Amino acid sequence: MTALAAEARGQRRLYVAMLVTLGLGWGMTQPLGKMATMTGHKPFGLIFWQLVICVLVLGVLSAVRGRGLVFTRATMKFYVIVAVMGTLVPNATFYLSAARLPAGIMSIIISAVPMLAFPMALALGMERFAARRFLGLLLGLAAVALIAAPGAVLPDPAMAVFLPLAMVGPLFYAMEATYVARNGTEGLDAVQAMLGASVVGLVLCLPVTLALGQFFDPFADFGRAEAALAGSSAIHALMYAGYVWLASRAGSVFAAQCSYIVTGAGIFWAMVLLGERFPPFIWLSVVLLLSGVALVSPRGVKKTG
């Protein structure tokens, strides 16, 4: 084996290791998010402290990179839209539904983003109709229907009423992804974009949190829930930075495969951290959903960076 081939193989192993790390890390944020709700903390109070941690982590990363925030009229509009569609609304509905649904189910539902984004892009003329991708959409709907079916996956059939609330998050993530795909990031790289959206989201979140009486001091009685919130927020920021790094070197198509690991990892961590157990039908719903995502997701995206 030549030195060049050995280097390429070593690089490939590094990329695969990073892909698995991203999937395991992001998968852990679902059960940690549920743990953060267990002492009664309200959604916007949780979102506020989540954003504080994201700003700190991404701020340090940006300082190390030497690339700070850019404040123009265009970037401010971008920050506001991404903060609302990508953080404030979906996270509020996530915390509300996570308090009532198993974390493993939340991990499955969050994977529906590509299937919700496809019809939006189709309606806006950004994508063309394809039978393969329509079949993927149907498989995704079948997965959600299986989860909602009485006695199939949910431990309590009454939980099914919270599934529409849980679907609001993926819907808004799909709207955010469609907006960014159509309008770009105003010249910002991914870390700058996320840091700016987090800063603006923090500014928008504080008055809402205070007005609703949902602010809390995590240091007053720091326990399991507060530690879970801190861990989930820091992991999300670090995994996002790792995703950007991987996409810039291995390509966006390769990096996007971590979404498949996230679903399985989310179920695994829910079982380990929360003791959740699921009937066999959950694996059928996972297969249906991930098959749908594989069919809907665009192919042939070139390597970035």
C-alpha atoms as a PDB file:
ATOM      1  CA  MET A   1       0.000   0.000   0.000  1.00  0.00           C
ATOM      2  CA  THR A   2       1.374   3.360  -0.996  1.00  0.00           C
ATOM      3  CA  ALA A   3       1.661   6.205   1.474  1.00  0.00           C
ATOM      4  CA  LEU A   4      -1.039   8.097  -0.440  1.00  0.00           C
ATOM      5  CA  ALA A   5      -3.460   5.158  -0.258  1.00  0.00           C
ATOM      6  CA  ALA A   6      -2.753   4.689   3.453  1.00  0.00           C
ATOM      7  CA  GLU A   7      -3.434   8.385   4.055  1.00  0.00           C
ATOM      8  CA  ALA A   8      -6.709   8.185   2.119  1.00  0.00           C
ATOM      9  CA  ARG A   9      -7.812   5.141   4.124  1.00  0.00           C
ATOM     10  CA  GLY A  10      -6.927   6.862   7.390  1.00  0.00           C
ATOM     11  CA  GLN A  11      -8.858   9.945   6.304  1.00  0.00           C
ATOM     12  CA  ARG A  12     -11.868   7.817   5.411  1.00  0.00           C
ATOM     13  CA  ARG A  13     -11.814   6.187   8.846  1.00  0.00           C
ATOM     14  CA  LEU A  14     -11.683   9.621  10.457  1.00  0.00           C
ATOM     15  CA  TYR A  15     -14.716  10.751   8.471  1.00  0.00           C
ATOM     16  CA  VAL A  16     -16.683   7.625   9.374  1.00  0.00           C
ATOM     17  CA  ALA A  17     -15.763   8.044  13.048  1.00  0.00           C
ATOM     18  CA  MET A  18     -16.937  11.649  12.942  1.00  0.00           C
ATOM     19  CA  LEU A  19     -20.181  10.605  11.219  1.00  0.00           C
ATOM     20  CA  VAL A  20     -20.912   8.075  13.974  1.00  0.00           C
ATOM     21  CA  THR A  21     -19.997  10.632  16.654  1.00  0.00           C
ATOM     22  CA  LEU A  22     -22.408  13.169  15.161  1.00  0.00           C
ATOM     23  CA  GLY A  23     -25.224  10.623  15.053  1.00  0.00           C
ATOM     24  CA  LEU A  24     -24.657   9.437  18.614  1.00  0.00           C
ATOM     25  CA  GLY A  25     -24.277  12.998  19.914  1.00  0.00           C
ATOM     26  CA  TRP A  26     -27.339  14.459  18.225  1.00  0.00           C
ATOM     27  CA  GLY A  27     -29.352  11.364  19.132  1.00  0.00           C
ATOM     28  CA  MET A  28     -28.617  12.023  22.802  1.00  0.00           C
ATOM     29  CA  THR A  29     -30.165  15.509  22.690  1.00  0.00           C
ATOM     30  CA  GLN A  30     -33.706  14.083  22.438  1.00  0.00           C
ATOM     31  CA  PRO A  31     -33.749  12.169  25.765  1.00  0.00           C
ATOM     32  CA  LEU A  32     -31.710  14.934  27.427  1.00  0.00           C
ATOM     33  CA  GLY A  33     -34.318  17.436  26.248  1.00  0.00           C
ATOM     34  CA  LYS A  34     -37.059  15.313  27.804  1.00  0.00           C
ATOM     35  CA  MET A  35     -35.090  15.093  31.054  1.00  0.00           C
ATOM     36  CA  ALA A  36     -34.878  18.900  31.093  1.00  0.00           C
ATOM     37  CA  THR A  37     -38.686  19.114  31.237  1.00  0.00           C
ATOM     38  CA  MET A  38     -39.108  16.672  34.113  1.00  0.00           C
ATOM     39  CA  THR A  39     -38.993  19.209  36.936  1.00  0.00           C
ATOM     40  CA  GLY A  40     -41.623  21.440  35.392  1.00  0.00           C
ATOM     41  CA  HIS A  41     -39.465  24.049  33.650  1.00  0.00           C
ATOM     42  CA  LYS A  42     -41.505  25.759  30.926  1.00  0.00           C
ATOM     43  CA  PRO A  43     -40.547  25.862  27.222  1.00  0.00           C
ATOM     44  CA  PHE A  44     -39.336  29.440  26.821  1.00  0.00           C
ATOM     45  CA  GLY A  45     -37.311  29.329  30.016  1.00  0.00           C
ATOM     46  CA  LEU A  46     -35.578  26.225  28.671  1.00  0.00           C
ATOM     47  CA  ILE A  47     -35.087  27.821  25.249  1.00  0.00           C
ATOM     48  CA  PHE A  48     -33.557  30.944  26.817  1.00  0.00           C
ATOM     49  CA  TRP A  49     -30.854  28.992  28.667  1.00  0.00           C
ATOM     50  CA  GLN A  50     -30.335  26.717  25.691  1.00  0.00           C
ATOM     51  CA  LEU A  51     -29.572  29.775  23.565  1.00  0.00           C
ATOM     52  CA  VAL A  52     -27.257  31.192  26.234  1.00  0.00           C
ATOM     53  CA  ILE A  53     -25.178  28.013  26.099  1.00  0.00           C
ATOM     54  CA  CYS A  54     -25.218  27.902  22.281  1.00  0.00           C
ATOM     55  CA  VAL A  55     -24.038  31.520  22.099  1.00  0.00           C
ATOM     56  CA  LEU A  56     -21.206  30.809  24.545  1.00  0.00           C
ATOM     57  CA  VAL A  57     -20.032  27.665  22.742  1.00  0.00           C
ATOM     58  CA  LEU A  58     -20.348  29.086  19.227  1.00  0.00           C
ATOM     59  CA  GLY A  59     -18.922  32.431  20.341  1.00  0.00           C
ATOM     60  CA  VAL A  60     -15.744  30.745  21.563  1.00  0.00           C
ATOM     61  CA  LEU A  61     -15.566  28.710  18.358  1.00  0.00           C
ATOM     62  CA  SER A  62     -15.999  31.838  16.240  1.00  0.00           C
ATOM     63  CA  ALA A  63     -13.303  33.671  18.203  1.00  0.00           C
ATOM     64  CA  VAL A  64     -10.896  30.790  17.605  1.00  0.00           C
ATOM     65  CA  ARG A  65     -11.754  30.830  13.901  1.00  0.00           C
ATOM     66  CA  GLY A  66     -11.361  34.594  13.726  1.00  0.00           C
ATOM     67  CA  ARG A  67     -14.722  35.021  11.995  1.00  0.00           C
ATOM     68  CA  GLY A  68     -17.198  37.127  13.926  1.00  0.00           C
ATOM     69  CA  LEU A  69     -20.784  38.160  13.342  1.00  0.00           C
ATOM     70  CA  VAL A  70     -21.861  40.306  10.413  1.00  0.00           C
ATOM     71  CA  PHE A  71     -24.617  42.833  11.086  1.00  0.00           C
ATOM     72  CA  THR A  72     -26.329  44.265   8.009  1.00  0.00           C
ATOM     73  CA  ARG A  73     -29.984  44.707   7.136  1.00  0.00           C
ATOM     74  CA  ALA A  74     -29.879  41.514   5.068  1.00  0.00           C
ATOM     75  CA  THR A  75     -28.151  39.416   7.715  1.00  0.00           C
ATOM     76  CA  MET A  76     -30.448  40.721  10.455  1.00  0.00           C
ATOM     77  CA  LYS A  77     -33.463  39.626   8.427  1.00  0.00           C
ATOM     78  CA  PHE A  78     -31.811  36.233   7.991  1.00  0.00           C
ATOM     79  CA  TYR A  79     -31.047  35.925  11.713  1.00  0.00           C
ATOM     80  CA  VAL A  80     -34.627  36.778  12.717  1.00  0.00           C
ATOM     81  CA  ILE A  81     -36.247  34.349  10.275  1.00  0.00           C
ATOM     82  CA  VAL A  82     -33.906  31.488  11.166  1.00  0.00           C
ATOM     83  CA  ALA A  83     -34.233  32.197  14.900  1.00  0.00           C
ATOM     84  CA  VAL A  84     -38.033  32.072  14.746  1.00  0.00           C
ATOM     85  CA  MET A  85     -38.423  29.162  12.317  1.00  0.00           C
ATOM     86  CA  GLY A  86     -35.394  27.166  13.443  1.00  0.00           C
ATOM     87  CA  THR A  87     -35.368  27.719  17.217  1.00  0.00           C
ATOM     88  CA  LEU A  88     -38.174  29.563  18.975  1.00  0.00           C
ATOM     89  CA  VAL A  89     -41.253  27.884  17.495  1.00  0.00           C
ATOM     90  CA  PRO A  90     -39.919  24.326  16.969  1.00  0.00           C
ATOM     91  CA  ASN A  91     -38.146  24.215  20.321  1.00  0.00           C
ATOM     92  CA  ALA A  92     -41.231  25.468  22.154  1.00  0.00           C
ATOM     93  CA  THR A  93     -43.353  22.717  20.614  1.00  0.00           C
ATOM     94  CA  PHE A  94     -40.546  20.191  21.181  1.00  0.00           C
ATOM     95  CA  TYR A  95     -40.409  20.836  24.922  1.00  0.00           C
ATOM     96  CA  LEU A  96     -44.205  20.798  25.182  1.00  0.00           C
ATOM     97  CA  SER A  97     -44.516  17.480  23.343  1.00  0.00           C
ATOM     98  CA  ALA A  98     -41.330  15.928  24.807  1.00  0.00           C
ATOM     99  CA  ALA A  99     -42.856  16.275  28.276  1.00  0.00           C
ATOM    100  CA  ARG A 100     -45.735  14.065  27.119  1.00  0.00           C
ATOM    101  CA  LEU A 101     -44.261  11.695  24.514  1.00  0.00           C
ATOM    102  CA  PRO A 102     -41.436   9.138  24.800  1.00  0.00           C
ATOM    103  CA  ALA A 103     -38.047  10.514  23.732  1.00  0.00           C
ATOM    104  CA  GLY A 104     -37.631   7.611  21.306  1.00  0.00           C
ATOM    105  CA  ILE A 105     -40.793   8.663  19.471  1.00  0.00           C
ATOM    106  CA  MET A 106     -39.531  12.233  19.300  1.00  0.00           C
ATOM    107  CA  SER A 107     -36.312  10.937  17.710  1.00  0.00           C
ATOM    108  CA  ILE A 108     -38.333   9.217  14.984  1.00  0.00           C
ATOM    109  CA  ILE A 109     -40.572  12.207  14.316  1.00  0.00           C
ATOM    110  CA  ILE A 110     -37.689  14.692  13.976  1.00  0.00           C
ATOM    111  CA  SER A 111     -36.385  12.643  11.038  1.00  0.00           C
ATOM    112  CA  ALA A 112     -39.432  13.655   8.994  1.00  0.00           C
ATOM    113  CA  VAL A 113     -37.918  17.041   8.070  1.00  0.00           C
ATOM    114  CA  PRO A 114     -36.788  16.085   4.514  1.00  0.00           C
ATOM    115  CA  MET A 115     -40.223  14.674   3.693  1.00  0.00           C
ATOM    116  CA  LEU A 116     -41.950  17.861   4.819  1.00  0.00           C
ATOM    117  CA  ALA A 117     -39.451  20.015   2.932  1.00  0.00           C
ATOM    118  CA  PHE A 118     -40.009  18.173  -0.359  1.00  0.00           C
ATOM    119  CA  PRO A 119     -43.647  19.261  -1.008  1.00  0.00           C
ATOM    120  CA  MET A 120     -42.710  22.828   0.003  1.00  0.00           C
ATOM    121  CA  ALA A 121     -39.888  22.899  -2.525  1.00  0.00           C
ATOM    122  CA  LEU A 122     -42.219  21.340  -5.095  1.00  0.00           C
ATOM    123  CA  ALA A 123     -44.853  24.035  -4.526  1.00  0.00           C
ATOM    124  CA  LEU A 124     -42.236  26.798  -4.885  1.00  0.00           C
ATOM    125  CA  GLY A 125     -40.851  25.344  -8.103  1.00  0.00           C
ATOM    126  CA  MET A 126     -37.519  24.502  -6.479  1.00  0.00           C
ATOM    127  CA  GLU A 127     -37.944  20.770  -7.171  1.00  0.00           C
ATOM    128  CA  ARG A 128     -39.542  18.700  -9.897  1.00  0.00           C
ATOM    129  CA  PHE A 129     -42.021  15.932  -9.223  1.00  0.00           C
ATOM    130  CA  ALA A 130     -40.429  12.481  -9.134  1.00  0.00           C
ATOM    131  CA  ALA A 131     -42.228   9.197  -8.513  1.00  0.00           C
ATOM    132  CA  ARG A 132     -39.361   7.945  -6.336  1.00  0.00           C
ATOM    133  CA  ARG A 133     -39.584  10.911  -4.003  1.00  0.00           C
ATOM    134  CA  PHE A 134     -43.393  10.786  -3.904  1.00  0.00           C
ATOM    135  CA  LEU A 135     -43.122   7.150  -2.820  1.00  0.00           C
ATOM    136  CA  GLY A 136     -40.738   8.291  -0.080  1.00  0.00           C
ATOM    137  CA  LEU A 137     -43.323  10.803   1.090  1.00  0.00           C
ATOM    138  CA  LEU A 138     -45.964   8.062   1.280  1.00  0.00           C
ATOM    139  CA  LEU A 139     -43.629   5.821   3.283  1.00  0.00           C
ATOM    140  CA  GLY A 140     -43.031   8.651   5.739  1.00  0.00           C
ATOM    141  CA  LEU A 141     -46.756   9.216   6.152  1.00  0.00           C
ATOM    142  CA  ALA A 142     -47.213   5.487   6.711  1.00  0.00           C
ATOM    143  CA  ALA A 143     -44.568   5.606   9.466  1.00  0.00           C
ATOM    144  CA  VAL A 144     -46.364   8.448  11.250  1.00  0.00           C
ATOM    145  CA  ALA A 145     -49.726   6.654  10.834  1.00  0.00           C
ATOM    146  CA  LEU A 146     -48.219   3.508  12.374  1.00  0.00           C
ATOM    147  CA  ILE A 147     -46.959   5.499  15.366  1.00  0.00           C
ATOM    148  CA  ALA A 148     -50.431   7.011  15.834  1.00  0.00           C
ATOM    149  CA  ALA A 149     -52.257   3.662  15.469  1.00  0.00           C
ATOM    150  CA  PRO A 150     -53.770   2.595  18.812  1.00  0.00           C
ATOM    151  CA  GLY A 151     -51.621   0.012  20.573  1.00  0.00           C
ATOM    152  CA  ALA A 152     -48.981  -0.169  17.823  1.00  0.00           C
ATOM    153  CA  VAL A 153     -46.071   1.949  19.123  1.00  0.00           C
ATOM    154  CA  LEU A 154     -47.178   4.446  21.766  1.00  0.00           C
ATOM    155  CA  PRO A 155     -47.319   3.020  25.313  1.00  0.00           C
ATOM    156  CA  ASP A 156     -50.549   4.947  25.916  1.00  0.00           C
ATOM    157  CA  PRO A 157     -53.016   5.532  23.034  1.00  0.00           C
ATOM    158  CA  ALA A 158     -53.979   8.863  24.631  1.00  0.00           C
ATOM    159  CA  MET A 159     -50.500  10.163  23.707  1.00  0.00           C
ATOM    160  CA  ALA A 160     -51.542  10.213  20.043  1.00  0.00           C
ATOM    161  CA  VAL A 161     -53.261  13.590  20.516  1.00  0.00           C
ATOM    162  CA  PHE A 162     -49.810  15.153  21.064  1.00  0.00           C
ATOM    163  CA  LEU A 163     -48.362  13.859  17.767  1.00  0.00           C
ATOM    164  CA  PRO A 164     -49.624  16.858  15.742  1.00  0.00           C
ATOM    165  CA  LEU A 165     -47.891  19.149  18.253  1.00  0.00           C
ATOM    166  CA  ALA A 166     -44.687  17.110  17.910  1.00  0.00           C
ATOM    167  CA  MET A 167     -44.899  17.460  14.111  1.00  0.00           C
ATOM    168  CA  VAL A 168     -44.840  21.280  14.337  1.00  0.00           C
ATOM    169  CA  GLY A 169     -41.087  21.220  15.018  1.00  0.00           C
ATOM    170  CA  PRO A 170     -40.150  19.221  11.888  1.00  0.00           C
ATOM    171  CA  LEU A 171     -42.579  21.372   9.890  1.00  0.00           C
ATOM    172  CA  PHE A 172     -40.804  24.580  10.927  1.00  0.00           C
ATOM    173  CA  TYR A 173     -37.366  23.018  10.420  1.00  0.00           C
ATOM    174  CA  ALA A 174     -38.494  22.134   6.896  1.00  0.00           C
ATOM    175  CA  MET A 175     -39.681  25.728   6.370  1.00  0.00           C
ATOM    176  CA  GLU A 176     -36.319  27.005   7.596  1.00  0.00           C
ATOM    177  CA  ALA A 177     -34.419  24.622   5.310  1.00  0.00           C
ATOM    178  CA  THR A 178     -36.558  25.659   2.342  1.00  0.00           C
ATOM    179  CA  TYR A 179     -36.000  29.339   3.086  1.00  0.00           C
ATOM    180  CA  VAL A 180     -32.222  28.915   3.339  1.00  0.00           C
ATOM    181  CA  ALA A 181     -32.101  26.750   0.199  1.00  0.00           C
ATOM    182  CA  ARG A 182     -34.024  29.376  -1.739  1.00  0.00           C
ATOM    183  CA  ASN A 183     -32.435  32.566  -0.375  1.00  0.00           C
ATOM    184  CA  GLY A 184     -28.983  31.498   0.807  1.00  0.00           C
ATOM    185  CA  THR A 185     -27.212  32.628   3.963  1.00  0.00           C
ATOM    186  CA  GLU A 186     -26.324  36.209   2.936  1.00  0.00           C
ATOM    187  CA  GLY A 187     -22.664  35.268   2.598  1.00  0.00           C
ATOM    188  CA  LEU A 188     -22.411  33.806   6.114  1.00  0.00           C
ATOM    189  CA  ASP A 189     -20.800  30.456   6.752  1.00  0.00           C
ATOM    190  CA  ALA A 190     -22.775  27.894   8.769  1.00  0.00           C
ATOM    191  CA  VAL A 191     -21.210  28.706  12.153  1.00  0.00           C
ATOM    192  CA  GLN A 192     -21.670  32.452  11.667  1.00  0.00           C
ATOM    193  CA  ALA A 193     -25.280  31.875  10.632  1.00  0.00           C
ATOM    194  CA  MET A 194     -26.046  29.742  13.661  1.00  0.00           C
ATOM    195  CA  LEU A 195     -24.293  32.083  16.081  1.00  0.00           C
ATOM    196  CA  GLY A 196     -26.117  35.118  14.685  1.00  0.00           C
ATOM    197  CA  ALA A 197     -29.477  33.347  14.795  1.00  0.00           C
ATOM    198  CA  SER A 198     -28.758  32.249  18.380  1.00  0.00           C
ATOM    199  CA  VAL A 199     -27.886  35.799  19.487  1.00  0.00           C
ATOM    200  CA  VAL A 200     -31.022  37.246  17.879  1.00  0.00           C
ATOM    201  CA  GLY A 201     -33.096  34.353  19.189  1.00  0.00           C
ATOM    202  CA  LEU A 202     -31.818  35.090  22.685  1.00  0.00           C
ATOM    203  CA  VAL A 203     -32.845  38.749  22.383  1.00  0.00           C
ATOM    204  CA  LEU A 204     -36.302  37.763  21.105  1.00  0.00           C
ATOM    205  CA  CYS A 205     -36.753  34.998  23.663  1.00  0.00           C
ATOM    206  CA  LEU A 206     -36.021  36.983  26.823  1.00  0.00           C
ATOM    207  CA  PRO A 207     -39.072  39.321  26.780  1.00  0.00           C
ATOM    208  CA  VAL A 208     -41.382  36.415  25.842  1.00  0.00           C
ATOM    209  CA  THR A 209     -39.951  34.323  28.675  1.00  0.00           C
ATOM    210  CA  LEU A 210     -40.444  37.148  31.180  1.00  0.00           C
ATOM    211  CA  ALA A 211     -43.921  38.046  29.908  1.00  0.00           C
ATOM    212  CA  LEU A 212     -45.097  34.438  30.252  1.00  0.00           C
ATOM    213  CA  GLY A 213     -43.482  34.049  33.666  1.00  0.00           C
ATOM    214  CA  GLN A 214     -41.342  31.144  32.457  1.00  0.00           C
ATOM    215  CA  PHE A 215     -37.910  32.459  33.466  1.00  0.00           C
ATOM    216  CA  PHE A 216     -36.039  30.388  36.039  1.00  0.00           C
ATOM    217  CA  ASP A 217     -32.630  30.457  37.658  1.00  0.00           C
ATOM    218  CA  PRO A 218     -30.903  27.139  36.850  1.00  0.00           C
ATOM    219  CA  PHE A 219     -28.236  27.777  39.492  1.00  0.00           C
ATOM    220  CA  ALA A 220     -30.730  28.146  42.345  1.00  0.00           C
ATOM    221  CA  ASP A 221     -31.417  24.421  42.462  1.00  0.00           C
ATOM    222  CA  PHE A 222     -29.083  22.856  39.923  1.00  0.00           C
ATOM    223  CA  GLY A 223     -29.973  19.227  39.446  1.00  0.00           C
ATOM    224  CA  ARG A 224     -30.521  16.510  36.865  1.00  0.00           C
ATOM    225  CA  ALA A 225     -32.886  18.546  34.674  1.00  0.00           C
ATOM    226  CA  GLU A 226     -30.584  21.572  34.561  1.00  0.00           C
ATOM    227  CA  ALA A 227     -27.555  19.385  33.824  1.00  0.00           C
ATOM    228  CA  ALA A 228     -29.493  17.687  31.026  1.00  0.00           C
ATOM    229  CA  LEU A 229     -30.376  21.068  29.517  1.00  0.00           C
ATOM    230  CA  ALA A 230     -26.763  22.256  29.672  1.00  0.00           C
ATOM    231  CA  GLY A 231     -25.510  18.994  28.193  1.00  0.00           C
ATOM    232  CA  SER A 232     -28.083  18.933  25.414  1.00  0.00           C
ATOM    233  CA  SER A 233     -27.388  22.553  24.422  1.00  0.00           C
ATOM    234  CA  ALA A 234     -23.602  22.156  24.437  1.00  0.00           C
ATOM    235  CA  ILE A 235     -23.781  18.873  22.509  1.00  0.00           C
ATOM    236  CA  HIS A 236     -26.034  20.446  19.877  1.00  0.00           C
ATOM    237  CA  ALA A 237     -23.646  23.366  19.341  1.00  0.00           C
ATOM    238  CA  LEU A 238     -20.582  21.103  19.171  1.00  0.00           C
ATOM    239  CA  MET A 239     -22.260  18.556  16.886  1.00  0.00           C
ATOM    240  CA  TYR A 240     -23.345  21.338  14.546  1.00  0.00           C
ATOM    241  CA  ALA A 241     -19.784  22.625  14.357  1.00  0.00           C
ATOM    242  CA  GLY A 242     -18.599  19.062  13.715  1.00  0.00           C
ATOM    243  CA  TYR A 243     -21.191  18.675  10.975  1.00  0.00           C
ATOM    244  CA  VAL A 244     -19.925  21.817   9.259  1.00  0.00           C
ATOM    245  CA  TRP A 245     -16.355  20.489   9.484  1.00  0.00           C
ATOM    246  CA  LEU A 246     -17.325  17.100   8.053  1.00  0.00           C
ATOM    247  CA  ALA A 247     -19.423  18.549   5.230  1.00  0.00           C
ATOM    248  CA  SER A 248     -16.562  20.834   4.198  1.00  0.00           C
ATOM    249  CA  ARG A 249     -14.177  17.883   3.896  1.00  0.00           C
ATOM    250  CA  ALA A 250     -16.199  14.796   3.044  1.00  0.00           C
ATOM    251  CA  GLY A 251     -19.074  16.499   1.232  1.00  0.00           C
ATOM    252  CA  SER A 252     -22.628  17.380   2.194  1.00  0.00           C
ATOM    253  CA  VAL A 253     -24.084  14.073   0.949  1.00  0.00           C
ATOM    254  CA  PHE A 254     -21.751  12.030   3.174  1.00  0.00           C
ATOM    255  CA  ALA A 255     -22.319  14.303   6.189  1.00  0.00           C
ATOM    256  CA  ALA A 256     -26.099  14.200   5.780  1.00  0.00           C
ATOM    257  CA  GLN A 257     -26.047  10.440   6.381  1.00  0.00           C
ATOM    258  CA  CYS A 258     -25.684  11.164  10.109  1.00  0.00           C
ATOM    259  CA  SER A 259     -29.469  11.741  10.129  1.00  0.00           C
ATOM    260  CA  TYR A 260     -29.970   7.986   9.777  1.00  0.00           C
ATOM    261  CA  ILE A 261     -27.778   7.347  12.813  1.00  0.00           C
ATOM    262  CA  VAL A 262     -29.546  10.059  14.833  1.00  0.00           C
ATOM    263  CA  THR A 263     -32.878   8.213  14.793  1.00  0.00           C
ATOM    264  CA  GLY A 264     -31.472   4.893  15.951  1.00  0.00           C
ATOM    265  CA  ALA A 265     -29.184   6.606  18.448  1.00  0.00           C
ATOM    266  CA  GLY A 266     -32.108   8.605  19.846  1.00  0.00           C
ATOM    267  CA  ILE A 267     -34.029   5.394  20.539  1.00  0.00           C
ATOM    268  CA  PHE A 268     -30.903   3.784  22.024  1.00  0.00           C
ATOM    269  CA  TRP A 269     -30.199   6.718  24.361  1.00  0.00           C
ATOM    270  CA  ALA A 270     -33.877   6.869  25.363  1.00  0.00           C
ATOM    271  CA  MET A 271     -33.633   3.240  26.437  1.00  0.00           C
ATOM    272  CA  VAL A 272     -30.334   3.763  28.274  1.00  0.00           C
ATOM    273  CA  LEU A 273     -30.970   7.148  29.920  1.00  0.00           C
ATOM    274  CA  LEU A 274     -34.725   6.983  30.485  1.00  0.00           C
ATOM    275  CA  GLY A 275     -35.413   3.262  30.577  1.00  0.00           C
ATOM    276  CA  GLU A 276     -37.924   3.550  27.721  1.00  0.00           C
ATOM    277  CA  ARG A 277     -39.052   0.317  26.086  1.00  0.00           C
ATOM    278  CA  PHE A 278     -40.902  -0.036  22.810  1.00  0.00           C
ATOM    279  CA  PRO A 279     -42.951  -2.720  21.044  1.00  0.00           C
ATOM    280  CA  PRO A 280     -41.598  -4.383  17.874  1.00  0.00           C
ATOM    281  CA  PHE A 281     -43.722  -2.137  15.653  1.00  0.00           C
ATOM    282  CA  ILE A 282     -41.409   0.800  16.435  1.00  0.00           C
ATOM    283  CA  TRP A 283     -38.700  -0.782  14.289  1.00  0.00           C
ATOM    284  CA  LEU A 284     -41.118  -1.089  11.382  1.00  0.00           C
ATOM    285  CA  SER A 285     -41.957   2.602  11.714  1.00  0.00           C
ATOM    286  CA  VAL A 286     -38.218   3.425  11.797  1.00  0.00           C
ATOM    287  CA  VAL A 287     -37.604   1.380   8.633  1.00  0.00           C
ATOM    288  CA  LEU A 288     -40.547   3.038   6.869  1.00  0.00           C
ATOM    289  CA  LEU A 289     -39.481   6.538   7.858  1.00  0.00           C
ATOM    290  CA  LEU A 290     -35.792   6.166   7.037  1.00  0.00           C
ATOM    291  CA  SER A 291     -36.640   4.494   3.732  1.00  0.00           C
ATOM    292  CA  GLY A 292     -38.852   7.459   2.971  1.00  0.00           C
ATOM    293  CA  VAL A 293     -36.104   9.903   3.898  1.00  0.00           C
ATOM    294  CA  ALA A 294     -33.652   8.023   1.652  1.00  0.00           C
ATOM    295  CA  LEU A 295     -36.042   8.250  -1.298  1.00  0.00           C
ATOM    296  CA  VAL A 296     -37.031  11.889  -0.747  1.00  0.00           C
ATOM    297  CA  SER A 297     -33.550  13.283  -0.079  1.00  0.00           C
ATOM    298  CA  PRO A 298     -31.900  14.780  -3.179  1.00  0.00           C
ATOM    299  CA  ARG A 299     -28.966  12.954  -4.708  1.00  0.00           C
ATOM    300  CA  GLY A 300     -25.897  14.032  -6.537  1.00  0.00           C
ATOM    301  CA  VAL A 301     -25.023  16.993  -4.321  1.00  0.00           C
ATOM    302  CA  LYS A 302     -21.445  17.958  -4.940  1.00  0.00           C
ATOM    303  CA  LYS A 303     -18.781  18.059  -2.266  1.00  0.00           C
ATOM    304  CA  THR A 304     -18.634  21.410  -0.532  1.00  0.00           C
ATOM    305  CA  GLY A 305     -15.503  23.282   0.312  1.00  0.00           C
END
